[in-house]
Amino acid sequence: MTTIDASSDNRISQSNKRAMRNPWVLGGLLLIGTVLAVNITMITLAVTTNPGLVSQDYYERGRYNERHYQQRVAERSALGWTASLEVPASIHLGATQTYRIAIVDNVGEPLRGAQVILNAFRPADAKADFTLPLEEVGAGIYEGAVEFGLKGIWDLLIDVRQEGKALEVPRRINVQG
């Protein structure tokens, strides 16, 4: 017959200190501590870092784009301009490199005297965005020297305007570090 000694350390009680040496209890506490530490880190990063791609007037811009998309497609088709953008094969951080665009009108003639602007947008940091006017260096050929201050993905938008007509040429590039 087995006897139970009330003074034994094996009793089940709130005052039993041996539970804190049990590997299952320690593992559970370690798991809870890890989850809490990761959550605190994620919350801290969310509060202290850049908010990302959120635009201040995202809803209005989306509505505008929705309403005018078909109109812009029709205008671009009717315009008939074509453009070919030349970017360096390898784009490096801090290096000044030449970007060139050749534009022809709807009858195949070079587009002369246009206002051409290169807009560079950094999707992850709007503070790094910049604009650069391109100069006409030949018949329908516009170029400019560009230097990127941050590595990573950039969106280029070449804006071509002449006599109330406009063409936008988008291109996504990757700047190597």
N, C-alpha and C. Protein backbone atom coordinates (compact mmCIF):
# COMPACT_ATOMS: atom_id res chain seq x y z
N MET A 1 0.82 -1.17 0.00
CA MET A 1 0.00 0.00 0.00
C MET A 1 0.88 1.24 0.00
N THR A 2 0.44 2.24 -0.78
CA THR A 2 1.21 3.47 -0.91
C THR A 2 0.67 4.52 0.04
N THR A 3 1.57 5.17 0.68
CA THR A 3 1.15 6.25 1.57
C THR A 3 1.57 7.58 0.97
N ILE A 4 0.78 8.57 1.19
CA ILE A 4 1.06 9.91 0.68
C ILE A 4 1.51 10.76 1.85
N ASP A 5 2.69 11.31 1.70
CA ASP A 5 3.24 12.16 2.74
C ASP A 5 2.97 13.61 2.37
N ALA A 6 2.25 14.33 3.15
CA ALA A 6 1.88 15.72 2.88
C ALA A 6 3.08 16.63 2.91
N SER A 7 4.16 16.23 3.56
CA SER A 7 5.34 17.08 3.65
C SER A 7 6.30 16.84 2.48
N SER A 8 5.95 15.95 1.55
CA SER A 8 6.82 15.61 0.42
C SER A 8 6.86 16.75 -0.60
N ASP A 9 7.97 16.90 -1.35
CA ASP A 9 8.11 17.91 -2.40
C ASP A 9 7.35 17.55 -3.66
N ASN A 10 6.75 16.38 -3.77
CA ASN A 10 6.03 15.95 -4.95
C ASN A 10 4.57 16.35 -4.94
N ARG A 11 4.15 17.06 -3.93
CA ARG A 11 2.74 17.42 -3.83
C ARG A 11 2.39 18.46 -4.91
N ILE A 12 1.13 18.48 -5.32
CA ILE A 12 0.63 19.45 -6.27
C ILE A 12 0.10 20.62 -5.47
N SER A 13 0.74 21.78 -5.68
CA SER A 13 0.37 22.93 -4.88
C SER A 13 0.88 24.19 -5.57
N GLN A 14 0.30 25.33 -5.25
CA GLN A 14 0.76 26.61 -5.78
C GLN A 14 2.12 26.98 -5.21
N SER A 15 2.44 26.44 -4.09
CA SER A 15 3.71 26.79 -3.44
C SER A 15 4.85 25.85 -3.83
N ASN A 16 4.60 24.89 -4.70
CA ASN A 16 5.63 23.96 -5.11
C ASN A 16 6.57 24.66 -6.10
N LYS A 17 7.84 24.81 -5.77
CA LYS A 17 8.81 25.52 -6.59
C LYS A 17 9.44 24.64 -7.67
N ARG A 18 9.19 23.35 -7.67
CA ARG A 18 9.79 22.45 -8.65
C ARG A 18 9.19 22.64 -10.04
N ALA A 19 8.02 23.23 -10.17
CA ALA A 19 7.39 23.42 -11.48
C ALA A 19 8.23 24.33 -12.36
N MET A 20 8.92 25.28 -11.79
CA MET A 20 9.73 26.19 -12.58
C MET A 20 10.98 25.52 -13.15
N ARG A 21 11.30 24.31 -12.73
CA ARG A 21 12.43 23.57 -13.28
C ARG A 21 11.97 22.53 -14.30
N ASN A 22 10.69 22.43 -14.53
CA ASN A 22 10.15 21.48 -15.50
C ASN A 22 10.42 22.01 -16.91
N PRO A 23 11.00 21.20 -17.81
CA PRO A 23 11.32 21.68 -19.16
C PRO A 23 10.08 22.09 -19.96
N TRP A 24 8.94 21.49 -19.70
CA TRP A 24 7.73 21.87 -20.42
C TRP A 24 7.26 23.26 -20.01
N VAL A 25 7.34 23.55 -18.74
CA VAL A 25 6.96 24.88 -18.24
C VAL A 25 7.93 25.93 -18.77
N LEU A 26 9.22 25.62 -18.69
CA LEU A 26 10.23 26.55 -19.21
C LEU A 26 10.08 26.77 -20.71
N GLY A 27 9.80 25.71 -21.46
CA GLY A 27 9.59 25.83 -22.90
C GLY A 27 8.37 26.69 -23.23
N GLY A 28 7.29 26.52 -22.48
CA GLY A 28 6.09 27.34 -22.68
C GLY A 28 6.36 28.79 -22.39
N LEU A 29 7.06 29.07 -21.30
CA LEU A 29 7.40 30.45 -20.96
C LEU A 29 8.33 31.07 -22.01
N LEU A 30 9.28 30.28 -22.51
CA LEU A 30 10.19 30.76 -23.55
C LEU A 30 9.42 31.07 -24.85
N LEU A 31 8.46 30.23 -25.20
CA LEU A 31 7.65 30.47 -26.39
C LEU A 31 6.84 31.76 -26.24
N ILE A 32 6.22 31.96 -25.11
CA ILE A 32 5.44 33.18 -24.87
C ILE A 32 6.35 34.41 -24.91
N GLY A 33 7.52 34.31 -24.30
CA GLY A 33 8.48 35.42 -24.31
C GLY A 33 8.95 35.76 -25.71
N THR A 34 9.19 34.73 -26.53
CA THR A 34 9.62 34.96 -27.91
C THR A 34 8.54 35.66 -28.72
N VAL A 35 7.30 35.21 -28.59
CA VAL A 35 6.19 35.84 -29.32
C VAL A 35 6.03 37.29 -28.89
N LEU A 36 6.12 37.57 -27.62
CA LEU A 36 6.01 38.95 -27.13
C LEU A 36 7.16 39.80 -27.66
N ALA A 37 8.38 39.28 -27.66
CA ALA A 37 9.53 40.05 -28.15
C ALA A 37 9.39 40.37 -29.64
N VAL A 38 8.95 39.40 -30.43
CA VAL A 38 8.75 39.64 -31.87
C VAL A 38 7.66 40.67 -32.10
N ASN A 39 6.56 40.58 -31.36
CA ASN A 39 5.48 41.55 -31.51
C ASN A 39 5.92 42.95 -31.12
N ILE A 40 6.67 43.09 -30.06
CA ILE A 40 7.17 44.40 -29.65
C ILE A 40 8.11 44.96 -30.71
N THR A 41 8.96 44.12 -31.28
CA THR A 41 9.86 44.56 -32.35
C THR A 41 9.08 45.02 -33.57
N MET A 42 8.08 44.27 -33.99
CA MET A 42 7.27 44.65 -35.17
C MET A 42 6.52 45.95 -34.93
N ILE A 43 5.96 46.13 -33.75
CA ILE A 43 5.23 47.36 -33.44
C ILE A 43 6.19 48.55 -33.45
N THR A 44 7.37 48.38 -32.86
CA THR A 44 8.36 49.45 -32.84
C THR A 44 8.79 49.82 -34.25
N LEU A 45 9.05 48.84 -35.10
CA LEU A 45 9.43 49.11 -36.49
C LEU A 45 8.31 49.80 -37.26
N ALA A 46 7.09 49.39 -37.02
CA ALA A 46 5.95 50.00 -37.72
C ALA A 46 5.79 51.46 -37.34
N VAL A 47 6.06 51.81 -36.10
CA VAL A 47 5.88 53.18 -35.64
C VAL A 47 7.05 54.07 -36.04
N THR A 48 8.27 53.55 -36.01
CA THR A 48 9.45 54.40 -36.20
C THR A 48 9.97 54.47 -37.62
N THR A 49 9.58 53.59 -38.52
CA THR A 49 10.13 53.61 -39.87
C THR A 49 9.20 54.32 -40.84
N ASN A 50 9.69 54.46 -42.08
CA ASN A 50 8.95 55.13 -43.14
C ASN A 50 7.62 54.42 -43.40
N PRO A 51 6.53 55.18 -43.56
CA PRO A 51 5.24 54.53 -43.79
C PRO A 51 5.11 53.86 -45.14
N GLY A 52 6.01 54.09 -46.07
CA GLY A 52 5.98 53.37 -47.33
C GLY A 52 5.28 54.10 -48.45
N LEU A 53 4.45 53.41 -49.17
CA LEU A 53 3.89 53.91 -50.42
C LEU A 53 2.56 54.63 -50.28
N VAL A 54 2.16 54.98 -49.11
CA VAL A 54 0.85 55.58 -48.93
C VAL A 54 0.88 57.03 -49.39
N SER A 55 -0.02 57.37 -50.28
CA SER A 55 -0.15 58.74 -50.77
C SER A 55 -1.17 59.46 -49.89
N GLN A 56 -0.98 60.76 -49.73
CA GLN A 56 -1.87 61.52 -48.87
C GLN A 56 -3.30 61.57 -49.43
N ASP A 57 -3.44 61.60 -50.75
CA ASP A 57 -4.77 61.69 -51.36
C ASP A 57 -5.04 60.47 -52.25
N TYR A 58 -4.76 59.30 -51.72
CA TYR A 58 -4.85 58.07 -52.50
C TYR A 58 -6.24 57.83 -53.08
N TYR A 59 -7.27 58.13 -52.34
CA TYR A 59 -8.63 57.85 -52.81
C TYR A 59 -8.97 58.75 -53.99
N GLU A 60 -8.70 60.04 -53.87
CA GLU A 60 -9.00 60.98 -54.96
C GLU A 60 -8.20 60.65 -56.21
N ARG A 61 -6.93 60.30 -56.03
CA ARG A 61 -6.10 59.94 -57.18
C ARG A 61 -6.60 58.69 -57.87
N GLY A 62 -7.04 57.72 -57.10
CA GLY A 62 -7.59 56.51 -57.68
C GLY A 62 -8.85 56.77 -58.47
N ARG A 63 -9.72 57.60 -57.93
CA ARG A 63 -10.96 57.95 -58.64
C ARG A 63 -10.64 58.71 -59.94
N TYR A 64 -9.69 59.64 -59.87
CA TYR A 64 -9.30 60.40 -61.06
C TYR A 64 -8.75 59.46 -62.13
N ASN A 65 -7.85 58.57 -61.74
CA ASN A 65 -7.26 57.63 -62.70
C ASN A 65 -8.32 56.74 -63.33
N GLU A 66 -9.27 56.29 -62.53
CA GLU A 66 -10.33 55.43 -63.05
C GLU A 66 -11.17 56.17 -64.10
N ARG A 67 -11.50 57.41 -63.81
CA ARG A 67 -12.34 58.19 -64.72
C ARG A 67 -11.62 58.56 -66.02
N HIS A 68 -10.32 58.78 -65.95
CA HIS A 68 -9.61 59.32 -67.11
C HIS A 68 -8.71 58.32 -67.84
N TYR A 69 -8.68 57.08 -67.40
CA TYR A 69 -7.80 56.10 -68.03
C TYR A 69 -8.13 55.88 -69.51
N GLN A 70 -9.38 55.60 -69.81
CA GLN A 70 -9.78 55.35 -71.20
C GLN A 70 -9.53 56.58 -72.07
N GLN A 71 -9.77 57.73 -71.52
CA GLN A 71 -9.54 58.98 -72.25
C GLN A 71 -8.05 59.12 -72.60
N ARG A 72 -7.17 58.83 -71.65
CA ARG A 72 -5.72 58.93 -71.91
C ARG A 72 -5.26 57.92 -72.94
N VAL A 73 -5.81 56.71 -72.90
CA VAL A 73 -5.44 55.69 -73.89
C VAL A 73 -5.86 56.13 -75.29
N ALA A 74 -7.05 56.67 -75.42
CA ALA A 74 -7.53 57.14 -76.72
C ALA A 74 -6.70 58.32 -77.22
N GLU A 75 -6.36 59.25 -76.33
CA GLU A 75 -5.54 60.40 -76.73
C GLU A 75 -4.16 59.96 -77.18
N ARG A 76 -3.56 59.00 -76.48
CA ARG A 76 -2.23 58.51 -76.84
C ARG A 76 -2.27 57.82 -78.21
N SER A 77 -3.29 57.03 -78.46
CA SER A 77 -3.42 56.35 -79.76
C SER A 77 -3.60 57.37 -80.89
N ALA A 78 -4.42 58.39 -80.65
CA ALA A 78 -4.66 59.41 -81.67
C ALA A 78 -3.42 60.25 -81.91
N LEU A 79 -2.60 60.44 -80.89
CA LEU A 79 -1.40 61.25 -81.00
C LEU A 79 -0.41 60.61 -81.98
N GLY A 80 -0.19 59.32 -81.84
CA GLY A 80 0.67 58.60 -82.77
C GLY A 80 2.17 58.76 -82.54
N TRP A 81 2.57 59.43 -81.48
CA TRP A 81 4.00 59.58 -81.20
C TRP A 81 4.56 58.25 -80.69
N THR A 82 5.79 57.98 -81.05
CA THR A 82 6.49 56.82 -80.49
C THR A 82 7.81 57.30 -79.90
N ALA A 83 8.21 56.63 -78.86
CA ALA A 83 9.44 57.02 -78.17
C ALA A 83 10.21 55.77 -77.80
N SER A 84 11.54 55.89 -77.86
CA SER A 84 12.39 54.80 -77.39
C SER A 84 13.38 55.38 -76.39
N LEU A 85 13.31 54.85 -75.19
CA LEU A 85 14.14 55.33 -74.09
C LEU A 85 15.37 54.44 -73.97
N GLU A 86 16.54 55.06 -73.95
CA GLU A 86 17.80 54.34 -73.77
C GLU A 86 18.31 54.58 -72.36
N VAL A 87 18.43 53.50 -71.60
CA VAL A 87 19.00 53.60 -70.26
C VAL A 87 20.28 52.77 -70.24
N PRO A 88 21.24 53.12 -69.39
CA PRO A 88 22.47 52.33 -69.30
C PRO A 88 22.17 50.87 -68.96
N ALA A 89 22.99 49.98 -69.48
CA ALA A 89 22.79 48.55 -69.23
C ALA A 89 22.94 48.22 -67.75
N SER A 90 23.86 48.89 -67.08
CA SER A 90 24.08 48.68 -65.66
C SER A 90 24.06 50.03 -64.97
N ILE A 91 23.14 50.22 -64.06
CA ILE A 91 22.97 51.51 -63.39
C ILE A 91 23.58 51.40 -61.99
N HIS A 92 24.52 52.30 -61.70
CA HIS A 92 25.24 52.22 -60.43
C HIS A 92 24.96 53.42 -59.54
N LEU A 93 24.93 53.17 -58.26
CA LEU A 93 24.70 54.19 -57.25
C LEU A 93 25.81 55.24 -57.30
N GLY A 94 25.44 56.51 -57.36
CA GLY A 94 26.40 57.60 -57.32
C GLY A 94 27.10 57.90 -58.63
N ALA A 95 26.87 57.11 -59.67
CA ALA A 95 27.51 57.34 -60.97
C ALA A 95 26.61 58.20 -61.84
N THR A 96 27.18 59.21 -62.48
CA THR A 96 26.42 60.05 -63.40
C THR A 96 26.39 59.35 -64.75
N GLN A 97 25.20 59.03 -65.22
CA GLN A 97 25.03 58.31 -66.48
C GLN A 97 24.02 59.03 -67.36
N THR A 98 24.17 58.84 -68.67
CA THR A 98 23.33 59.54 -69.64
C THR A 98 22.09 58.72 -69.96
N TYR A 99 20.95 59.41 -69.94
CA TYR A 99 19.67 58.82 -70.33
C TYR A 99 19.19 59.57 -71.56
N ARG A 100 18.80 58.82 -72.58
CA ARG A 100 18.44 59.41 -73.87
C ARG A 100 17.10 58.86 -74.32
N ILE A 101 16.30 59.74 -74.91
CA ILE A 101 15.02 59.33 -75.48
C ILE A 101 14.92 59.91 -76.89
N ALA A 102 14.51 59.07 -77.82
CA ALA A 102 14.28 59.49 -79.20
C ALA A 102 12.79 59.44 -79.46
N ILE A 103 12.24 60.54 -79.99
CA ILE A 103 10.79 60.66 -80.16
C ILE A 103 10.50 61.02 -81.61
N VAL A 104 9.54 60.30 -82.20
CA VAL A 104 9.07 60.62 -83.55
C VAL A 104 7.57 60.84 -83.51
N ASP A 105 7.09 61.68 -84.42
CA ASP A 105 5.66 61.99 -84.45
C ASP A 105 4.91 60.95 -85.26
N ASN A 106 3.63 61.23 -85.54
CA ASN A 106 2.77 60.24 -86.19
C ASN A 106 3.12 59.99 -87.66
N VAL A 107 3.91 60.86 -88.29
CA VAL A 107 4.32 60.63 -89.68
C VAL A 107 5.77 60.17 -89.77
N GLY A 108 6.40 59.89 -88.62
CA GLY A 108 7.76 59.36 -88.61
C GLY A 108 8.85 60.42 -88.58
N GLU A 109 8.47 61.68 -88.43
CA GLU A 109 9.45 62.77 -88.35
C GLU A 109 9.90 62.95 -86.90
N PRO A 110 11.17 63.31 -86.69
CA PRO A 110 11.64 63.57 -85.31
C PRO A 110 10.85 64.72 -84.68
N LEU A 111 10.52 64.56 -83.42
CA LEU A 111 9.77 65.58 -82.70
C LEU A 111 10.75 66.62 -82.16
N ARG A 112 10.70 67.81 -82.75
CA ARG A 112 11.63 68.89 -82.37
C ARG A 112 10.94 69.91 -81.49
N GLY A 113 11.73 70.50 -80.59
CA GLY A 113 11.24 71.60 -79.77
C GLY A 113 10.26 71.22 -78.69
N ALA A 114 10.28 70.00 -78.27
CA ALA A 114 9.36 69.57 -77.20
C ALA A 114 9.99 69.83 -75.83
N GLN A 115 9.13 69.92 -74.84
CA GLN A 115 9.58 70.02 -73.46
C GLN A 115 9.58 68.59 -72.90
N VAL A 116 10.76 68.09 -72.55
CA VAL A 116 10.90 66.71 -72.08
C VAL A 116 11.47 66.74 -70.67
N ILE A 117 10.76 66.10 -69.76
CA ILE A 117 11.18 66.08 -68.35
C ILE A 117 11.23 64.64 -67.86
N LEU A 118 12.34 64.30 -67.21
CA LEU A 118 12.50 62.98 -66.60
C LEU A 118 12.10 63.11 -65.13
N ASN A 119 11.11 62.35 -64.73
CA ASN A 119 10.67 62.30 -63.33
C ASN A 119 11.12 60.96 -62.76
N ALA A 120 11.86 60.99 -61.66
CA ALA A 120 12.34 59.76 -61.03
C ALA A 120 11.65 59.62 -59.68
N PHE A 121 10.96 58.51 -59.50
CA PHE A 121 10.21 58.25 -58.27
C PHE A 121 10.80 57.03 -57.57
N ARG A 122 11.05 57.17 -56.29
CA ARG A 122 11.53 56.06 -55.46
C ARG A 122 10.32 55.50 -54.72
N PRO A 123 9.85 54.30 -55.08
CA PRO A 123 8.63 53.76 -54.45
C PRO A 123 8.70 53.65 -52.94
N ALA A 124 9.89 53.43 -52.39
CA ALA A 124 9.99 53.23 -50.95
C ALA A 124 10.28 54.51 -50.18
N ASP A 125 10.61 55.62 -50.88
CA ASP A 125 10.96 56.85 -50.17
C ASP A 125 10.68 58.05 -51.07
N ALA A 126 9.55 58.71 -50.85
CA ALA A 126 9.15 59.85 -51.69
C ALA A 126 10.09 61.03 -51.53
N LYS A 127 10.86 61.10 -50.45
CA LYS A 127 11.79 62.21 -50.24
C LYS A 127 12.94 62.18 -51.24
N ALA A 128 13.21 61.04 -51.86
CA ALA A 128 14.32 60.92 -52.80
C ALA A 128 13.90 61.23 -54.24
N ASP A 129 12.61 61.47 -54.49
CA ASP A 129 12.13 61.76 -55.85
C ASP A 129 12.78 63.02 -56.39
N PHE A 130 12.99 63.05 -57.72
CA PHE A 130 13.53 64.25 -58.33
C PHE A 130 13.05 64.37 -59.77
N THR A 131 13.23 65.57 -60.33
CA THR A 131 12.82 65.89 -61.69
C THR A 131 14.01 66.50 -62.40
N LEU A 132 14.19 66.13 -63.69
CA LEU A 132 15.30 66.64 -64.47
C LEU A 132 14.83 66.94 -65.89
N PRO A 133 14.99 68.19 -66.35
CA PRO A 133 14.64 68.48 -67.75
C PRO A 133 15.70 67.90 -68.68
N LEU A 134 15.26 67.28 -69.77
CA LEU A 134 16.19 66.73 -70.76
C LEU A 134 16.36 67.75 -71.88
N GLU A 135 17.58 67.86 -72.37
CA GLU A 135 17.89 68.83 -73.42
C GLU A 135 17.89 68.15 -74.78
N GLU A 136 17.45 68.91 -75.79
CA GLU A 136 17.45 68.39 -77.16
C GLU A 136 18.88 68.46 -77.69
N VAL A 137 19.44 67.30 -78.06
CA VAL A 137 20.82 67.25 -78.55
C VAL A 137 20.87 66.93 -80.03
N GLY A 138 19.76 66.60 -80.61
CA GLY A 138 19.66 66.29 -82.03
C GLY A 138 18.20 66.31 -82.43
N ALA A 139 17.95 65.98 -83.67
CA ALA A 139 16.57 65.98 -84.18
C ALA A 139 15.76 64.91 -83.46
N GLY A 140 14.89 65.33 -82.55
CA GLY A 140 14.03 64.42 -81.82
C GLY A 140 14.73 63.60 -80.76
N ILE A 141 15.97 63.95 -80.42
CA ILE A 141 16.74 63.20 -79.42
C ILE A 141 16.99 64.12 -78.23
N TYR A 142 16.58 63.66 -77.07
CA TYR A 142 16.70 64.42 -75.83
C TYR A 142 17.49 63.59 -74.84
N GLU A 143 18.38 64.25 -74.10
CA GLU A 143 19.17 63.50 -73.12
C GLU A 143 19.52 64.35 -71.92
N GLY A 144 19.93 63.64 -70.87
CA GLY A 144 20.34 64.29 -69.63
C GLY A 144 21.18 63.36 -68.80
N ALA A 145 22.03 63.95 -67.97
CA ALA A 145 22.89 63.18 -67.07
C ALA A 145 22.18 63.01 -65.74
N VAL A 146 22.07 61.77 -65.31
CA VAL A 146 21.31 61.44 -64.10
C VAL A 146 22.21 60.71 -63.12
N GLU A 147 22.07 61.08 -61.84
CA GLU A 147 22.78 60.38 -60.77
C GLU A 147 21.77 60.01 -59.69
N PHE A 148 21.73 58.75 -59.31
CA PHE A 148 20.81 58.27 -58.29
C PHE A 148 21.52 58.20 -56.95
N GLY A 149 20.88 58.74 -55.92
CA GLY A 149 21.46 58.79 -54.59
C GLY A 149 21.14 57.60 -53.70
N LEU A 150 20.22 56.74 -54.16
CA LEU A 150 19.86 55.56 -53.38
C LEU A 150 19.81 54.35 -54.29
N LYS A 151 20.23 53.20 -53.78
CA LYS A 151 20.15 51.99 -54.58
C LYS A 151 18.75 51.39 -54.46
N GLY A 152 18.43 50.50 -55.40
CA GLY A 152 17.13 49.83 -55.36
C GLY A 152 16.27 50.19 -56.55
N ILE A 153 14.98 49.95 -56.41
CA ILE A 153 14.02 50.15 -57.49
C ILE A 153 13.64 51.64 -57.61
N TRP A 154 13.61 52.12 -58.86
CA TRP A 154 13.16 53.47 -59.19
C TRP A 154 12.18 53.37 -60.34
N ASP A 155 11.19 54.24 -60.34
CA ASP A 155 10.26 54.35 -61.46
C ASP A 155 10.56 55.66 -62.19
N LEU A 156 10.83 55.54 -63.49
CA LEU A 156 11.06 56.72 -64.32
C LEU A 156 9.80 57.00 -65.12
N LEU A 157 9.47 58.27 -65.25
CA LEU A 157 8.35 58.69 -66.07
C LEU A 157 8.82 59.87 -66.89
N ILE A 158 9.00 59.66 -68.19
CA ILE A 158 9.43 60.72 -69.09
C ILE A 158 8.17 61.42 -69.59
N ASP A 159 8.09 62.71 -69.34
CA ASP A 159 6.93 63.51 -69.72
C ASP A 159 7.32 64.37 -70.92
N VAL A 160 6.67 64.12 -72.08
CA VAL A 160 6.95 64.84 -73.32
C VAL A 160 5.74 65.71 -73.64
N ARG A 161 5.98 67.03 -73.82
CA ARG A 161 4.89 67.96 -74.12
C ARG A 161 5.30 68.88 -75.27
N GLN A 162 4.33 69.06 -76.16
CA GLN A 162 4.53 69.99 -77.27
C GLN A 162 3.17 70.46 -77.77
N GLU A 163 2.98 71.78 -77.80
CA GLU A 163 1.77 72.40 -78.33
C GLU A 163 0.49 71.78 -77.75
N GLY A 164 0.45 71.60 -76.46
CA GLY A 164 -0.75 71.07 -75.80
C GLY A 164 -0.90 69.57 -75.89
N LYS A 165 -0.01 68.89 -76.57
CA LYS A 165 -0.06 67.43 -76.67
C LYS A 165 0.96 66.85 -75.69
N ALA A 166 0.64 65.67 -75.16
CA ALA A 166 1.52 65.09 -74.14
C ALA A 166 1.65 63.58 -74.33
N LEU A 167 2.82 63.07 -73.99
CA LEU A 167 3.12 61.64 -74.02
C LEU A 167 3.90 61.31 -72.75
N GLU A 168 3.52 60.21 -72.10
CA GLU A 168 4.25 59.75 -70.93
C GLU A 168 4.88 58.40 -71.25
N VAL A 169 6.18 58.27 -70.93
CA VAL A 169 6.91 57.03 -71.18
C VAL A 169 7.40 56.50 -69.83
N PRO A 170 6.81 55.42 -69.33
CA PRO A 170 7.24 54.87 -68.03
C PRO A 170 8.34 53.81 -68.20
N ARG A 171 9.17 53.68 -67.17
CA ARG A 171 10.19 52.62 -67.15
C ARG A 171 10.59 52.38 -65.71
N ARG A 172 10.71 51.13 -65.31
CA ARG A 172 11.19 50.77 -63.97
C ARG A 172 12.64 50.31 -64.10
N ILE A 173 13.50 50.83 -63.24
CA ILE A 173 14.92 50.47 -63.27
C ILE A 173 15.36 50.01 -61.89
N ASN A 174 16.53 49.38 -61.85
CA ASN A 174 17.11 48.93 -60.60
C ASN A 174 18.52 49.50 -60.49
N VAL A 175 18.76 50.31 -59.48
CA VAL A 175 20.08 50.92 -59.25
C VAL A 175 20.88 49.98 -58.36
N GLN A 176 22.06 49.58 -58.86
CA GLN A 176 22.94 48.67 -58.13
C GLN A 176 23.78 49.45 -57.12
N GLY A 177 24.04 48.84 -55.96
CA GLY A 177 24.81 49.50 -54.91
C GLY A 177 26.28 49.47 -55.14
